[in-house]
Amino acid sequence: MKATRTITFRMDGDKVDKLDSYAAQDERDRSFVLNEAITRYLEARDFQVARIEEGIRQADEGELISHDEVMSRLKKRRGRQ
């Protein structure tokens, strides 16, 4: 198991109240809910960074499409919705 550390940060009172309400509904404590939220944030951020890095790699290797092709693909997507 990884070592845990205690951190402190400020949060608006309304957010704390809502957080505590959800924690109580889930029969969890505040720390559990905060850890879950931070885990989800970090996963989303890791995904975003990976996508950006992949885009940069593709651009560096010349794997680009023209503006006209982008617009054409967007128009096709809009037509499917």
C-alpha atoms as a PDB file:
ATOM      1  CA  MET A   1       0.000   0.000   0.000  1.00  0.00           C
ATOM      2  CA  LYS A   2       1.222   3.458  -0.874  1.00  0.00           C
ATOM      3  CA  ALA A   3       2.002   5.832   1.951  1.00  0.00           C
ATOM      4  CA  THR A   4      -0.661   8.447   2.542  1.00  0.00           C
ATOM      5  CA  ARG A   5      -0.063  12.084   3.317  1.00  0.00           C
ATOM      6  CA  THR A   6      -2.287  14.696   4.815  1.00  0.00           C
ATOM      7  CA  ILE A   7      -2.909  17.886   2.887  1.00  0.00           C
ATOM      8  CA  THR A   8      -4.921  20.976   3.716  1.00  0.00           C
ATOM      9  CA  PHE A   9      -6.703  23.338   1.352  1.00  0.00           C
ATOM     10  CA  ARG A  10      -9.486  25.901   1.427  1.00  0.00           C
ATOM     11  CA  MET A  11     -12.947  25.280   0.042  1.00  0.00           C
ATOM     12  CA  ASP A  12     -16.130  27.346   0.027  1.00  0.00           C
ATOM     13  CA  GLY A  13     -18.459  26.403   2.865  1.00  0.00           C
ATOM     14  CA  ASP A  14     -21.289  25.560   0.459  1.00  0.00           C
ATOM     15  CA  LYS A  15     -19.062  23.042  -1.306  1.00  0.00           C
ATOM     16  CA  VAL A  16     -18.063  21.449   1.993  1.00  0.00           C
ATOM     17  CA  ASP A  17     -21.721  21.128   2.992  1.00  0.00           C
ATOM     18  CA  LYS A  18     -22.612  19.521  -0.335  1.00  0.00           C
ATOM     19  CA  LEU A  19     -19.590  17.225  -0.124  1.00  0.00           C
ATOM     20  CA  ASP A  20     -20.569  16.111   3.362  1.00  0.00           C
ATOM     21  CA  SER A  21     -24.149  15.540   2.233  1.00  0.00           C
ATOM     22  CA  TYR A  22     -23.042  13.270  -0.618  1.00  0.00           C
ATOM     23  CA  ALA A  23     -20.606  11.459   1.635  1.00  0.00           C
ATOM     24  CA  ALA A  24     -23.398  10.780   4.123  1.00  0.00           C
ATOM     25  CA  GLN A  25     -25.683   9.520   1.345  1.00  0.00           C
ATOM     26  CA  ASP A  26     -22.962   7.094   0.261  1.00  0.00           C
ATOM     27  CA  GLU A  27     -22.135   6.166   3.857  1.00  0.00           C
ATOM     28  CA  ARG A  28     -18.551   7.300   3.307  1.00  0.00           C
ATOM     29  CA  ASP A  29     -16.394   9.908   4.937  1.00  0.00           C
ATOM     30  CA  ARG A  30     -15.273  13.175   3.396  1.00  0.00           C
ATOM     31  CA  SER A  31     -11.752  11.873   2.707  1.00  0.00           C
ATOM     32  CA  PHE A  32     -13.087   8.955   0.678  1.00  0.00           C
ATOM     33  CA  VAL A  33     -15.226  11.219  -1.502  1.00  0.00           C
ATOM     34  CA  LEU A  34     -12.382  13.693  -1.999  1.00  0.00           C
ATOM     35  CA  ASN A  35      -9.975  10.894  -2.923  1.00  0.00           C
ATOM     36  CA  GLU A  36     -12.463   9.547  -5.465  1.00  0.00           C
ATOM     37  CA  ALA A  37     -12.943  13.005  -6.976  1.00  0.00           C
ATOM     38  CA  ILE A  38      -9.218  13.635  -7.214  1.00  0.00           C
ATOM     39  CA  THR A  39      -8.638  10.203  -8.754  1.00  0.00           C
ATOM     40  CA  ARG A  40     -11.219  10.973 -11.458  1.00  0.00           C
ATOM     41  CA  TYR A  41      -9.676  14.396 -12.066  1.00  0.00           C
ATOM     42  CA  LEU A  42      -6.182  12.929 -12.426  1.00  0.00           C
ATOM     43  CA  GLU A  43      -7.438  10.214 -14.801  1.00  0.00           C
ATOM     44  CA  ALA A  44      -9.154  12.827 -16.970  1.00  0.00           C
ATOM     45  CA  ARG A  45      -6.078  15.032 -16.936  1.00  0.00           C
ATOM     46  CA  ASP A  46      -3.784  12.107 -17.836  1.00  0.00           C
ATOM     47  CA  PHE A  47      -6.079  11.284 -20.772  1.00  0.00           C
ATOM     48  CA  GLN A  48      -6.070  14.903 -21.925  1.00  0.00           C
ATOM     49  CA  VAL A  49      -2.277  15.195 -21.711  1.00  0.00           C
ATOM     50  CA  ALA A  50      -1.820  11.914 -23.606  1.00  0.00           C
ATOM     51  CA  ARG A  51      -4.125  13.132 -26.391  1.00  0.00           C
ATOM     52  CA  ILE A  52      -2.243  16.428 -26.646  1.00  0.00           C
ATOM     53  CA  GLU A  53       1.111  14.648 -26.750  1.00  0.00           C
ATOM     54  CA  GLU A  54      -0.196  12.317 -29.458  1.00  0.00           C
ATOM     55  CA  GLY A  55      -1.368  15.310 -31.478  1.00  0.00           C
ATOM     56  CA  ILE A  56       2.035  16.934 -31.162  1.00  0.00           C
ATOM     57  CA  ARG A  57       3.711  13.682 -32.231  1.00  0.00           C
ATOM     58  CA  GLN A  58       1.442  13.445 -35.267  1.00  0.00           C
ATOM     59  CA  ALA A  59       2.117  17.061 -36.198  1.00  0.00           C
ATOM     60  CA  ASP A  60       5.874  16.564 -35.821  1.00  0.00           C
ATOM     61  CA  GLU A  61       5.663  13.569 -38.180  1.00  0.00           C
ATOM     62  CA  GLY A  62       3.558  15.464 -40.695  1.00  0.00           C
ATOM     63  CA  GLU A  63       0.432  13.395 -40.033  1.00  0.00           C
ATOM     64  CA  LEU A  64      -1.915  16.306 -40.604  1.00  0.00           C
ATOM     65  CA  ILE A  65      -5.133  16.845 -42.500  1.00  0.00           C
ATOM     66  CA  SER A  66      -6.184  19.988 -44.299  1.00  0.00           C
ATOM     67  CA  HIS A  67      -8.631  22.524 -42.976  1.00  0.00           C
ATOM     68  CA  ASP A  68     -11.051  21.573 -45.755  1.00  0.00           C
ATOM     69  CA  GLU A  69     -10.944  17.926 -44.658  1.00  0.00           C
ATOM     70  CA  VAL A  70     -11.640  18.908 -41.043  1.00  0.00           C
ATOM     71  CA  MET A  71     -14.625  20.972 -42.124  1.00  0.00           C
ATOM     72  CA  SER A  72     -15.915  18.142 -44.312  1.00  0.00           C
ATOM     73  CA  ARG A  73     -15.709  15.672 -41.423  1.00  0.00           C
ATOM     74  CA  LEU A  74     -17.502  18.078 -39.089  1.00  0.00           C
ATOM     75  CA  LYS A  75     -20.308  18.583 -41.596  1.00  0.00           C
ATOM     76  CA  LYS A  76     -20.708  14.801 -41.934  1.00  0.00           C
ATOM     77  CA  ARG A  77     -20.900  14.419 -38.142  1.00  0.00           C
ATOM     78  CA  ARG A  78     -23.542  17.119 -37.875  1.00  0.00           C
ATOM     79  CA  GLY A  79     -25.589  15.330 -40.509  1.00  0.00           C
ATOM     80  CA  ARG A  80     -25.590  12.116 -38.439  1.00  0.00           C
ATOM     81  CA  GLN A  81     -26.988  13.789 -35.344  1.00  0.00           C
END
